[in-house]
C-alpha atoms as a PDB file:
ATOM      1  CA  MET A   1      32.034  -0.079 -18.504  1.00  0.00           C
ATOM      2  CA  ALA A   2      30.262   0.436 -15.516  1.00  0.00           C
ATOM      3  CA  LEU A   3      28.814  -2.661 -13.483  1.00  0.00           C
ATOM      4  CA  LEU A   4      24.964  -2.341 -13.571  1.00  0.00           C
ATOM      5  CA  LEU A   5      22.546  -4.819 -12.184  1.00  0.00           C
ATOM      6  CA  ILE A   6      18.860  -3.824 -12.713  1.00  0.00           C
ATOM      7  CA  GLU A   7      16.608  -5.652 -10.046  1.00  0.00           C
ATOM      8  CA  ILE A   8      13.162  -6.725 -10.939  1.00  0.00           C
ATOM      9  CA  TRP A   9      11.333  -7.039  -7.337  1.00  0.00           C
ATOM     10  CA  HIS A  10       8.374 -10.175  -7.267  1.00  0.00           C
ATOM     11  CA  GLY A  11       9.601 -11.774 -10.530  1.00  0.00           C
ATOM     12  CA  ASP A  12       8.606 -12.372 -14.497  1.00  0.00           C
ATOM     13  CA  PRO A  13       5.873 -12.491 -15.518  1.00  0.00           C
ATOM     14  CA  GLN A  14       3.182 -10.574 -13.299  1.00  0.00           C
ATOM     15  CA  ARG A  15      -0.336  -9.774 -13.800  1.00  0.00           C
ATOM     16  CA  VAL A  16      -2.720  -7.567 -13.129  1.00  0.00           C
ATOM     17  CA  GLY A  17      -6.683  -7.055 -13.782  1.00  0.00           C
ATOM     18  CA  HIS A  18      -7.502 -10.873 -12.858  1.00  0.00           C
ATOM     19  CA  LEU A  19      -9.016  -9.398  -9.269  1.00  0.00           C
ATOM     20  CA  GLY A  20     -10.646  -6.120 -11.198  1.00  0.00           C
ATOM     21  CA  GLY A  21      -9.500  -2.873 -10.635  1.00  0.00           C
ATOM     22  CA  ALA A  22      -7.939  -1.624  -7.045  1.00  0.00           C
ATOM     23  CA  GLN A  23      -5.963   0.943  -8.592  1.00  0.00           C
ATOM     24  CA  ALA A  24      -5.503   3.517 -12.255  1.00  0.00           C
ATOM     25  CA  ASP A  25      -1.903   2.090 -11.828  1.00  0.00           C
ATOM     26  CA  PHE A  26       0.211  -1.115 -12.322  1.00  0.00           C
ATOM     27  CA  ASN A  27       3.266  -1.063 -10.404  1.00  0.00           C
ATOM     28  CA  VAL A  28       6.772  -2.288 -11.039  1.00  0.00           C
ATOM     29  CA  VAL A  29       9.122  -2.103  -8.740  1.00  0.00           C
ATOM     30  CA  GLY A  30      12.807  -2.947  -8.369  1.00  0.00           C
ATOM     31  CA  HIS A  31      16.223  -1.405  -7.651  1.00  0.00           C
ATOM     32  CA  LEU A  32      19.153  -0.721  -9.509  1.00  0.00           C
ATOM     33  CA  GLU A  33      22.649  -1.929  -7.879  1.00  0.00           C
ATOM     34  CA  ASN A  34      25.335   0.493  -8.365  1.00  0.00           C
ATOM     35  CA  GLY A  35      22.972   2.830  -9.493  1.00  0.00           C
ATOM     36  CA  ASN A  36      25.159   6.143  -8.944  1.00  0.00           C
ATOM     37  CA  ALA A  37      26.568   5.123 -12.352  1.00  0.00           C
ATOM     38  CA  VAL A  38      23.123   5.459 -13.534  1.00  0.00           C
ATOM     39  CA  ASP A  39      22.480   9.176 -15.088  1.00  0.00           C
ATOM     40  CA  GLN A  40      18.189   8.555 -16.267  1.00  0.00           C
ATOM     41  CA  LEU A  41      16.461   5.685 -16.097  1.00  0.00           C
ATOM     42  CA  PHE A  42      13.055   5.324 -17.966  1.00  0.00           C
ATOM     43  CA  TRP A  43      10.384   2.938 -18.691  1.00  0.00           C
ATOM     44  CA  SER A  44       8.780   2.215 -21.598  1.00  0.00           C
ATOM     45  CA  LEU A  45       5.508  -0.040 -22.288  1.00  0.00           C
ATOM     46  CA  ASN A  46       5.286  -2.406 -25.892  1.00  0.00           C
ATOM     47  CA  GLY A  47       8.022  -0.283 -27.605  1.00  0.00           C
ATOM     48  CA  GLY A  48       6.426   3.024 -27.089  1.00  0.00           C
ATOM     49  CA  ALA A  49       7.573   6.540 -25.460  1.00  0.00           C
ATOM     50  CA  GLU A  50       9.834   5.955 -22.644  1.00  0.00           C
ATOM     51  CA  THR A  51       8.517   8.072 -19.431  1.00  0.00           C
ATOM     52  CA  ALA A  52      11.357   9.068 -17.338  1.00  0.00           C
ATOM     53  CA  MET A  53      11.651   7.836 -12.815  1.00  0.00           C
ATOM     54  CA  THR A  54      13.276   8.893 -10.006  1.00  0.00           C
ATOM     55  CA  PHE A  55      15.743   6.391  -8.688  1.00  0.00           C
ATOM     56  CA  GLN A  56      17.086   8.103  -6.096  1.00  0.00           C
ATOM     57  CA  ALA A  57      15.645   7.696  -1.913  1.00  0.00           C
ATOM     58  CA  PHE A  58      12.200  10.081  -1.413  1.00  0.00           C
ATOM     59  CA  ARG A  59       9.188   9.216   0.137  1.00  0.00           C
ATOM     60  CA  ARG A  60       7.901   5.725  -1.554  1.00  0.00           C
ATOM     61  CA  LEU A  61      11.754   4.844  -2.561  1.00  0.00           C
ATOM     62  CA  VAL A  62      13.109   4.233   0.492  1.00  0.00           C
ATOM     63  CA  ASP A  63      16.575   3.345  -0.637  1.00  0.00           C
ATOM     64  CA  ASP A  64      18.817   5.273  -3.761  1.00  0.00           C
ATOM     65  CA  GLY A  65      18.535   3.189  -6.437  1.00  0.00           C
ATOM     66  CA  ASP A  66      14.696   1.714  -5.313  1.00  0.00           C
ATOM     67  CA  PHE A  67      12.425   2.811  -8.136  1.00  0.00           C
ATOM     68  CA  ASN A  68       8.756   2.109  -9.008  1.00  0.00           C
ATOM     69  CA  ALA A  69       7.120   2.373 -12.734  1.00  0.00           C
ATOM     70  CA  ASP A  70       3.787   3.598 -12.408  1.00  0.00           C
ATOM     71  CA  ILE A  71       2.024   2.342 -15.290  1.00  0.00           C
ATOM     72  CA  PRO A  72      -1.915   3.333 -16.319  1.00  0.00           C
ATOM     73  CA  ILE A  73      -3.571  -0.545 -16.383  1.00  0.00           C
ATOM     74  CA  GLU A  74      -5.577   1.200 -19.391  1.00  0.00           C
ATOM     75  CA  LEU A  75      -3.050   1.299 -21.243  1.00  0.00           C
ATOM     76  CA  LEU A  76      -1.899  -2.571 -21.110  1.00  0.00           C
ATOM     77  CA  ARG A  77      -3.150  -4.634 -23.556  1.00  0.00           C
ATOM     78  CA  VAL A  78      -5.701  -8.062 -22.224  1.00  0.00           C
ATOM     79  CA  GLY A  79      -2.564 -10.769 -22.832  1.00  0.00           C
ATOM     80  CA  ALA A  80       0.965  -9.887 -22.431  1.00  0.00           C
ATOM     81  CA  ASN A  81       2.794  -6.267 -22.267  1.00  0.00           C
ATOM     82  CA  GLN A  82       6.177  -5.922 -22.501  1.00  0.00           C
ATOM     83  CA  ILE A  83       7.596  -2.904 -19.909  1.00  0.00           C
ATOM     84  CA  SER A  84      11.520  -2.398 -20.773  1.00  0.00           C
ATOM     85  CA  ILE A  85      13.335  -0.264 -18.097  1.00  0.00           C
ATOM     86  CA  ARG A  86      16.235   1.634 -19.488  1.00  0.00           C
ATOM     87  CA  ALA A  87      19.394   2.957 -17.697  1.00  0.00           C
ATOM     88  CA  LYS A  88      21.635   5.856 -19.463  1.00  0.00           C
ATOM     89  CA  LEU A  89      24.867   4.838 -17.412  1.00  0.00           C
ATOM     90  CA  LEU A  90      26.837   8.613 -16.889  1.00  0.00           C
ATOM     91  CA  ASP A  91      29.333   7.296 -18.900  1.00  0.00           C
ATOM     92  CA  GLY A  92      27.048   6.420 -22.024  1.00  0.00           C
ATOM     93  CA  GLU A  93      26.538   3.242 -21.507  1.00  0.00           C
ATOM     94  CA  VAL A  94      23.181   1.871 -22.011  1.00  0.00           C
ATOM     95  CA  ILE A  95      21.139  -1.278 -20.203  1.00  0.00           C
ATOM     96  CA  PHE A  96      18.269  -2.420 -20.604  1.00  0.00           C
ATOM     97  CA  ARG A  97      15.976  -4.304 -18.639  1.00  0.00           C
ATOM     98  CA  THR A  98      12.444  -6.116 -19.951  1.00  0.00           C
ATOM     99  CA  VAL A  99       9.664  -7.802 -17.632  1.00  0.00           C
ATOM    100  CA  THR A 100       6.360  -9.314 -18.689  1.00  0.00           C
ATOM    101  CA  VAL A 101       2.620  -8.226 -17.574  1.00  0.00           C
ATOM    102  CA  ILE A 102      -0.035  -9.971 -18.496  1.00  0.00           C
ATOM    103  CA  ARG A 103      -3.035  -8.380 -18.396  1.00  0.00           C
ATOM    104  CA  LYS A 104      -6.425 -10.420 -17.762  1.00  0.00           C
ATOM    105  CA  GLU A 105     -10.523  -9.279 -17.493  1.00  0.00           C
ATOM    106  CA  GLY A 106     -11.868 -10.389 -13.799  1.00  0.00           C
ATOM    107  CA  GLU A 107     -12.947  -8.755 -10.407  1.00  0.00           C
ATOM    108  CA  CYS A 108     -12.802  -9.416  -6.516  1.00  0.00           C
ATOM    109  CA  SER A 109     -15.933  -9.728  -5.201  1.00  0.00           C
ATOM    110  CA  LEU A 110     -16.696  -9.934  -1.526  1.00  0.00           C
ATOM    111  CA  PRO A 111     -16.630 -11.760   0.644  1.00  0.00           C
ATOM    112  CA  VAL A 112     -12.782 -12.086   0.386  1.00  0.00           C
ATOM    113  CA  ASP A 113     -11.026 -15.632   2.266  1.00  0.00           C
ATOM    114  CA  VAL A 114      -7.066 -14.882   2.104  1.00  0.00           C
ATOM    115  CA  ASP A 115      -5.766 -18.145   3.572  1.00  0.00           C
ATOM    116  CA  TRP A 116      -1.733 -17.565   3.452  1.00  0.00           C
ATOM    117  CA  SER A 117      -1.000 -21.174   3.108  1.00  0.00           C
ATOM    118  CA  LEU A 118      -2.682 -21.152  -0.113  1.00  0.00           C
ATOM    119  CA  VAL A 119      -0.982 -18.934  -1.573  1.00  0.00           C
ATOM    120  CA  ASP A 120       2.331 -19.009  -3.559  1.00  0.00           C
ATOM    121  CA  HIS A 121       2.297 -15.102  -4.766  1.00  0.00           C
ATOM    122  CA  PRO A 122       1.031 -11.690  -3.301  1.00  0.00           C
ATOM    123  CA  GLN A 123      -0.595 -11.051  -6.356  1.00  0.00           C
ATOM    124  CA  ASP A 124      -2.494 -13.737  -6.350  1.00  0.00           C
ATOM    125  CA  VAL A 125      -4.632 -12.108  -4.120  1.00  0.00           C
ATOM    126  CA  GLY A 126      -3.957  -8.386  -4.411  1.00  0.00           C
ATOM    127  CA  GLN A 127      -1.762  -5.948  -6.231  1.00  0.00           C
ATOM    128  CA  ILE A 128       2.073  -4.773  -4.582  1.00  0.00           C
ATOM    129  CA  VAL A 129       1.831  -0.492  -4.102  1.00  0.00           C
ATOM    130  CA  ASP A 130       4.921  -0.229  -2.670  1.00  0.00           C
ATOM    131  CA  GLY A 131       8.397  -2.261  -1.262  1.00  0.00           C
ATOM    132  CA  ARG A 132       8.697  -5.422  -1.758  1.00  0.00           C
ATOM    133  CA  TRP A 133       6.900  -8.657   0.092  1.00  0.00           C
ATOM    134  CA  GLU A 134       7.215 -12.503   0.501  1.00  0.00           C
ATOM    135  CA  VAL A 135       5.173 -15.367   1.470  1.00  0.00           C
ATOM    136  CA  THR A 136       6.040 -16.888   5.032  1.00  0.00           C
ATOM    137  CA  ALA A 137       4.674 -19.486   6.910  1.00  0.00           C
ATOM    138  CA  GLN A 138       2.855 -17.132   9.123  1.00  0.00           C
ATOM    139  CA  GLY A 139       1.630 -14.716   6.206  1.00  0.00           C
ATOM    140  CA  LEU A 140       2.543 -11.952   4.183  1.00  0.00           C
ATOM    141  CA  ARG A 141       5.866 -10.155   5.186  1.00  0.00           C
ATOM    142  CA  THR A 142       7.854  -6.885   4.909  1.00  0.00           C
ATOM    143  CA  ASP A 143      10.856  -7.617   2.872  1.00  0.00           C
ATOM    144  CA  GLN A 144      12.213  -4.161   2.686  1.00  0.00           C
ATOM    145  CA  LEU A 145      11.508  -1.215   6.192  1.00  0.00           C
ATOM    146  CA  GLY A 146      10.330   2.274   4.945  1.00  0.00           C
ATOM    147  CA  TYR A 147       7.431   4.603   3.889  1.00  0.00           C
ATOM    148  CA  ASP A 148       4.161   3.135   3.110  1.00  0.00           C
ATOM    149  CA  ARG A 149       4.902  -0.811   2.013  1.00  0.00           C
ATOM    150  CA  LEU A 150       1.646  -0.287   0.851  1.00  0.00           C
ATOM    151  CA  PHE A 151      -0.711  -3.903  -0.656  1.00  0.00           C
ATOM    152  CA  LEU A 152      -3.644  -3.418  -1.944  1.00  0.00           C
ATOM    153  CA  ILE A 153      -6.636  -5.686  -1.630  1.00  0.00           C
ATOM    154  CA  GLY A 154     -10.365  -5.058  -3.317  1.00  0.00           C
ATOM    155  CA  GLU A 155     -11.922  -3.065  -6.171  1.00  0.00           C
ATOM    156  CA  ARG A 156     -12.613   0.714  -6.757  1.00  0.00           C
ATOM    157  CA  ASP A 157     -16.180   0.154  -6.518  1.00  0.00           C
ATOM    158  CA  TRP A 158     -16.382  -0.937  -2.629  1.00  0.00           C
ATOM    159  CA  ARG A 159     -17.847   0.348  -0.559  1.00  0.00           C
ATOM    160  CA  ASP A 160     -18.869  -0.751   3.189  1.00  0.00           C
ATOM    161  CA  TYR A 161     -16.832  -3.805   4.691  1.00  0.00           C
ATOM    162  CA  GLU A 162     -15.091  -5.398   7.572  1.00  0.00           C
ATOM    163  CA  ILE A 163     -11.678  -6.625   7.821  1.00  0.00           C
ATOM    164  CA  GLU A 164     -10.562  -9.245   9.831  1.00  0.00           C
ATOM    165  CA  THR A 165      -6.893  -9.942  10.146  1.00  0.00           C
ATOM    166  CA  SER A 166      -4.011 -10.065  12.187  1.00  0.00           C
ATOM    167  CA  PHE A 167      -0.358  -9.178  12.706  1.00  0.00           C
ATOM    168  CA  ILE A 168       3.106 -10.042  13.860  1.00  0.00           C
ATOM    169  CA  ILE A 169       5.728  -6.870  14.979  1.00  0.00           C
ATOM    170  CA  HIS A 170       8.917  -7.570  13.883  1.00  0.00           C
ATOM    171  CA  GLU A 171      11.099  -4.700  14.474  1.00  0.00           C
ATOM    172  CA  VAL A 172      10.141  -1.033  14.326  1.00  0.00           C
ATOM    173  CA  SER A 173      12.792   0.882  12.589  1.00  0.00           C
ATOM    174  CA  GLU A 174      14.713   3.559  15.237  1.00  0.00           C
ATOM    175  CA  THR A 175      14.562   6.415  12.672  1.00  0.00           C
ATOM    176  CA  THR A 176      12.313   7.568   9.602  1.00  0.00           C
ATOM    177  CA  GLY A 177      12.395   9.986   7.086  1.00  0.00           C
ATOM    178  CA  ALA A 178      12.056  13.231   7.793  1.00  0.00           C
ATOM    179  CA  LEU A 179       8.775  13.164   6.163  1.00  0.00           C
ATOM    180  CA  SER A 180       7.342  10.186   7.237  1.00  0.00           C
ATOM    181  CA  GLY A 181       6.065  11.597  10.988  1.00  0.00           C
ATOM    182  CA  GLY A 182       6.143   8.376  13.436  1.00  0.00           C
ATOM    183  CA  ASN A 183       6.121   4.677  12.224  1.00  0.00           C
ATOM    184  CA  GLY A 184       2.768   3.134  12.037  1.00  0.00           C
ATOM    185  CA  LEU A 185       1.123  -0.229  10.666  1.00  0.00           C
ATOM    186  CA  GLY A 186      -2.456  -1.097  10.159  1.00  0.00           C
ATOM    187  CA  ILE A 187      -5.522  -0.439   7.245  1.00  0.00           C
ATOM    188  CA  VAL A 188      -5.967   2.115   4.648  1.00  0.00           C
ATOM    189  CA  TRP A 189     -10.018   1.743   4.275  1.00  0.00           C
ATOM    190  CA  ARG A 190     -10.700   2.975   0.727  1.00  0.00           C
ATOM    191  CA  PHE A 191      -7.404   3.792  -0.998  1.00  0.00           C
ATOM    192  CA  ALA A 192      -7.571   4.071  -5.031  1.00  0.00           C
ATOM    193  CA  GLY A 193      -4.033   4.813  -5.547  1.00  0.00           C
ATOM    194  CA  HIS A 194      -1.554   7.565  -5.546  1.00  0.00           C
ATOM    195  CA  VAL A 195      -2.300  10.862  -7.273  1.00  0.00           C
ATOM    196  CA  VAL A 196      -1.394  14.236  -8.948  1.00  0.00           C
ATOM    197  CA  GLY A 197      -3.254  17.623  -8.975  1.00  0.00           C
ATOM    198  CA  GLY A 198      -6.409  16.831  -6.522  1.00  0.00           C
ATOM    199  CA  TYR A 199      -7.260  19.653  -4.503  1.00  0.00           C
ATOM    200  CA  ARG A 200      -4.334  18.965  -2.467  1.00  0.00           C
ATOM    201  CA  GLY A 201      -2.389  20.265  -5.885  1.00  0.00           C
ATOM    202  CA  PHE A 202       0.437  17.460  -5.668  1.00  0.00           C
ATOM    203  CA  PRO A 203       3.287  17.730  -8.108  1.00  0.00           C
ATOM    204  CA  GLU A 204       3.891  15.617 -11.232  1.00  0.00           C
ATOM    205  CA  ALA A 205       6.413  12.523  -9.585  1.00  0.00           C
ATOM    206  CA  GLN A 206       7.382   9.147 -11.142  1.00  0.00           C
ATOM    207  CA  PRO A 207       6.678   7.764  -9.018  1.00  0.00           C
ATOM    208  CA  LYS A 208       3.958   9.783  -7.906  1.00  0.00           C
ATOM    209  CA  TRP A 209       3.241  10.112  -4.283  1.00  0.00           C
ATOM    210  CA  GLY A 210       0.247  11.992  -3.890  1.00  0.00           C
ATOM    211  CA  TYR A 211      -1.365  10.551  -1.441  1.00  0.00           C
ATOM    212  CA  GLN A 212      -4.556  12.075  -0.531  1.00  0.00           C
ATOM    213  CA  PRO A 213      -7.806  11.641  -0.660  1.00  0.00           C
ATOM    214  CA  PHE A 214      -8.780   8.062   0.758  1.00  0.00           C
ATOM    215  CA  GLY A 215     -10.959   7.323   3.130  1.00  0.00           C
ATOM    216  CA  ALA A 216      -9.298   6.652   6.366  1.00  0.00           C
ATOM    217  CA  ILE A 217      -6.070   5.047   8.433  1.00  0.00           C
ATOM    218  CA  GLY A 218      -6.459   2.774  11.236  1.00  0.00           C
ATOM    219  CA  TRP A 219      -3.436   2.148  12.900  1.00  0.00           C
ATOM    220  CA  LEU A 220      -0.946   1.680  15.930  1.00  0.00           C
ATOM    221  CA  ARG A 221       1.163   5.334  15.271  1.00  0.00           C
ATOM    222  CA  TRP A 222       4.386   5.650  17.433  1.00  0.00           C
ATOM    223  CA  PRO A 223       5.259   8.436  18.676  1.00  0.00           C
ATOM    224  CA  LYS A 224       8.981  10.232  17.765  1.00  0.00           C
ATOM    225  CA  ASP A 225       9.767   9.897  21.247  1.00  0.00           C
ATOM    226  CA  ARG A 226      10.417   6.054  21.219  1.00  0.00           C
ATOM    227  CA  SER A 227       9.983   5.459  25.294  1.00  0.00           C
ATOM    228  CA  ARG A 228       6.285   5.822  24.568  1.00  0.00           C
ATOM    229  CA  PRO A 229       3.820   3.260  23.538  1.00  0.00           C
ATOM    230  CA  PRO A 230       2.265   3.882  20.219  1.00  0.00           C
ATOM    231  CA  MET A 231      -0.964   5.677  19.846  1.00  0.00           C
ATOM    232  CA  LEU A 232      -4.490   3.593  18.443  1.00  0.00           C
ATOM    233  CA  GLN A 233      -5.169   6.601  16.019  1.00  0.00           C
ATOM    234  CA  PHE A 234      -7.472   7.410  13.404  1.00  0.00           C
ATOM    235  CA  TYR A 235      -5.613   8.874  10.312  1.00  0.00           C
ATOM    236  CA  PRO A 236      -8.096  10.955   8.028  1.00  0.00           C
ATOM    237  CA  GLY A 237      -8.497  10.630   4.490  1.00  0.00           C
ATOM    238  CA  SER A 238      -8.280  14.292   3.507  1.00  0.00           C
ATOM    239  CA  HIS A 239      -5.892  16.135   5.488  1.00  0.00           C
ATOM    240  CA  ASP A 240      -2.794  15.276   8.252  1.00  0.00           C
ATOM    241  CA  HIS A 241      -5.103  16.524  11.380  1.00  0.00           C
ATOM    242  CA  SER A 242      -5.047  12.606  13.002  1.00  0.00           C
ATOM    243  CA  VAL A 243      -6.675  11.679  16.643  1.00  0.00           C
ATOM    244  CA  ASP A 244      -5.332   9.826  18.826  1.00  0.00           C
ATOM    245  CA  TYR A 245      -7.842   7.252  20.825  1.00  0.00           C
ATOM    246  CA  GLY A 246      -5.239   6.568  23.499  1.00  0.00           C
ATOM    247  CA  SER A 247      -2.245   4.392  23.787  1.00  0.00           C
ATOM    248  CA  PHE A 248      -1.887   0.554  23.402  1.00  0.00           C
ATOM    249  CA  PRO A 249       1.491  -0.966  24.206  1.00  0.00           C
ATOM    250  CA  SER A 250       2.880  -3.386  22.008  1.00  0.00           C
ATOM    251  CA  GLU A 251       5.390  -6.442  21.816  1.00  0.00           C
ATOM    252  CA  LEU A 252       7.609  -8.068  19.520  1.00  0.00           C
ATOM    253  CA  GLU A 253       6.638 -11.220  17.811  1.00  0.00           C
ATOM    254  CA  VAL A 254       3.137 -11.307  19.824  1.00  0.00           C
ATOM    255  CA  VAL A 255       0.159 -12.091  17.354  1.00  0.00           C
ATOM    256  CA  TYR A 256      -2.319  -9.432  17.304  1.00  0.00           C
ATOM    257  CA  GLY A 257      -6.107  -9.317  16.112  1.00  0.00           C
ATOM    258  CA  LEU A 258      -7.047  -6.809  14.062  1.00  0.00           C
ATOM    259  CA  ARG A 259     -10.877  -6.005  13.052  1.00  0.00           C
ATOM    260  CA  LEU A 260     -11.951  -3.013  11.291  1.00  0.00           C
ATOM    261  CA  ARG A 261     -15.291  -1.493   9.807  1.00  0.00           C
ATOM    262  CA  CYS A 262     -16.197   1.534   7.331  1.00  0.00           C
ATOM    263  CA  GLU A 263     -20.000   2.145   6.899  1.00  0.00           C
ATOM    264  CA  THR A 264     -21.119   4.594   4.700  1.00  0.00           C
ATOM    265  CA  LEU A 265     -23.760   7.274   6.697  1.00  0.00           C
ATOM    266  CA  PRO A 266     -26.105   9.787   4.853  1.00  0.00           C
ATOM    267  CA  ASP A 267     -24.996  13.146   3.792  1.00  0.00           C
ATOM    268  CA  ALA A 268     -24.224  15.710   5.747  1.00  0.00           C
ATOM    269  CA  GLU A 269     -26.656  19.242   5.231  1.00  0.00           C
ATOM    270  CA  ASP A 270     -23.899  20.826   3.133  1.00  0.00           C
ATOM    271  CA  GLY A 271     -23.731  17.704   0.979  1.00  0.00           C
ATOM    272  CA  ALA A 272     -20.325  16.646   2.389  1.00  0.00           C
ATOM    273  CA  GLY A 273     -19.664  12.188   3.118  1.00  0.00           C
ATOM    274  CA  VAL A 274     -20.217  11.234   6.660  1.00  0.00           C
ATOM    275  CA  THR A 275     -18.643   7.393   7.019  1.00  0.00           C
ATOM    276  CA  ARG A 276     -18.318   5.414  10.366  1.00  0.00           C
ATOM    277  CA  TYR A 277     -15.182   4.296  10.944  1.00  0.00           C
ATOM    278  CA  SER A 278     -14.285   1.368  14.206  1.00  0.00           C
ATOM    279  CA  PHE A 279     -11.440   0.005  14.763  1.00  0.00           C
ATOM    280  CA  LYS A 280     -10.711  -3.122  17.074  1.00  0.00           C
ATOM    281  CA  ILE A 281      -7.460  -4.500  18.276  1.00  0.00           C
ATOM    282  CA  TRP A 282      -6.027  -7.303  20.802  1.00  0.00           C
ATOM    283  CA  LYS A 283      -3.888 -10.061  21.845  1.00  0.00           C
ATOM    284  CA  LYS A 284      -5.344 -13.027  19.207  1.00  0.00           C
ATOM    285  CA  GLU A 285      -4.061 -15.344  22.776  1.00  0.00           C
ATOM    286  CA  MET A 286      -6.826 -13.299  24.501  1.00  0.00           C
ATOM    287  CA  PRO A 287     -10.434 -13.494  23.870  1.00  0.00           C
ATOM    288  CA  GLU A 288     -11.580 -10.865  20.951  1.00  0.00           C
ATOM    289  CA  PRO A 289     -13.372  -7.440  22.944  1.00  0.00           C
ATOM    290  CA  ASP A 290     -16.710  -6.951  22.474  1.00  0.00           C
ATOM    291  CA  ARG A 291     -16.828  -3.243  22.466  1.00  0.00           C
ATOM    292  CA  TRP A 292     -14.674  -1.908  19.538  1.00  0.00           C
ATOM    293  CA  SER A 293     -11.228  -0.069  20.315  1.00  0.00           C
ATOM    294  CA  TRP A 294     -12.398   3.470  18.958  1.00  0.00           C
ATOM    295  CA  THR A 295     -15.367   4.227  16.344  1.00  0.00           C
ATOM    296  CA  HIS A 296     -14.805   7.721  14.952  1.00  0.00           C
ATOM    297  CA  LEU A 297     -17.531   9.644  12.613  1.00  0.00           C
ATOM    298  CA  GLN A 298     -15.675  11.198   9.376  1.00  0.00           C
ATOM    299  CA  GLU A 299     -17.630  13.723   6.882  1.00  0.00           C
ATOM    300  CA  ASP A 300     -15.564  14.827   4.671  1.00  0.00           C
ATOM    301  CA  ALA A 301     -15.950  16.568   1.155  1.00  0.00           C
ATOM    302  CA  HIS A 302     -12.388  14.890   0.060  1.00  0.00           C
ATOM    303  CA  ALA A 303     -12.855  11.387   1.573  1.00  0.00           C
ATOM    304  CA  LEU A 304     -13.443   8.602  -0.696  1.00  0.00           C
ATOM    305  CA  ARG A 305     -16.549   7.036   0.061  1.00  0.00           C
ATOM    306  CA  MET A 306     -15.231   3.798  -2.093  1.00  0.00           C
ATOM    307  CA  GLY A 307     -12.168   1.763  -2.835  1.00  0.00           C
ATOM    308  CA  GLY A 308     -10.486  -1.121  -1.616  1.00  0.00           C
ATOM    309  CA  PHE A 309      -7.751  -1.537   1.203  1.00  0.00           C
ATOM    310  CA  ALA A 310      -4.053  -0.926   2.044  1.00  0.00           C
ATOM    311  CA  LEU A 311      -2.302  -3.104   4.036  1.00  0.00           C
ATOM    312  CA  VAL A 312       0.069  -0.851   5.454  1.00  0.00           C
ATOM    313  CA  ALA A 313       3.406  -1.079   7.227  1.00  0.00           C
ATOM    314  CA  HIS A 314       5.238   2.367   7.895  1.00  0.00           C
ATOM    315  CA  HIS A 315       8.719   1.880   9.113  1.00  0.00           C
ATOM    316  CA  VAL A 316       7.656  -1.242  10.532  1.00  0.00           C
ATOM    317  CA  ASP A 317       8.909  -5.149  10.165  1.00  0.00           C
ATOM    318  CA  ALA A 318       5.367  -6.993  10.092  1.00  0.00           C
ATOM    319  CA  THR A 319       3.300 -10.179   9.005  1.00  0.00           C
ATOM    320  CA  PHE A 320      -0.173 -10.195   8.167  1.00  0.00           C
ATOM    321  CA  GLY A 321      -1.829 -12.992   8.729  1.00  0.00           C
ATOM    322  CA  ASN A 322      -4.808 -14.404   7.390  1.00  0.00           C
ATOM    323  CA  ILE A 323      -8.000 -11.960   6.101  1.00  0.00           C
ATOM    324  CA  ARG A 324     -11.236 -12.457   5.730  1.00  0.00           C
ATOM    325  CA  VAL A 325     -13.407  -8.926   3.912  1.00  0.00           C
ATOM    326  CA  LEU A 326     -17.198  -9.247   4.651  1.00  0.00           C
ATOM    327  CA  SER A 327     -19.963  -6.901   3.465  1.00  0.00           C
ATOM    328  CA  LEU A 328     -21.519  -4.582   5.605  1.00  0.00           C
ATOM    329  CA  HIS A 329     -24.801  -5.750   2.965  1.00  0.00           C
ATOM    330  CA  GLY A 330     -24.385  -8.996   2.726  1.00  0.00           C
ATOM    331  CA  ASP A 331     -24.090  -8.734  -1.133  1.00  0.00           C
END
């Protein structure tokens, strides 16, 4: 008989819906200790049909044994739900682990102020999409280096807003995955969850890994040549042709201020959506600069024009500080 531990990250019970609808799925994430003894892995909801999951390292799964169950929130009943994780081992043994997910009905209206010293659990203020996160004395910190560690705040009907926050870089991984490009740290505007299909034809997967469309990304992006400093980069919401706006030498264990804005403009003549994205970064020990570090006008038929935002740490160990989000329209 194989020894297997099914570890559920972020506790039991967990909750969703109390902050409205940020994305279509709720993510139950965890890890299989001794995962090499596992033949198949499934999740099921309230005793219903099972869905097979991947548990080998790939994109959203950093290490062999990691899993991430994309559970459609619309299938969760209001109140307590039982999510069962079932592992079938190579020797035929079956092992279960159950976690309670409580669905509530609420909203996340602007403005939003997050003071991490007042937060007991990350799910009090947002939704964990990928990876392990923990609240520390400095803020919300990644607890696992890897591909697109995401923490989502807001609702899918947010449109024009400004974000003020800060971050500390603790470590930048020396290597990234074959599909990862360089390391990155910043914000994904108008993120509404991973997808299957769409205009880019992303394949079926569990967890899903289709990453577009979103609005855009504003971040520090390190080149593969780690002897060079990271770039101030705009990453578009519907394709992979990013734009660099110069470099920004960064240091470990230094607090950097971050201000970001997304503003909807009138549609282009061909009907494509137009949004102005603005990004500003500075050392917090210095006065905030008057000018944006960059602004970018995105004209795009596919990029999302509504949605909350995600903190993103891509192969970077970082802590995000207190967060303030204001509507640009005062509502």
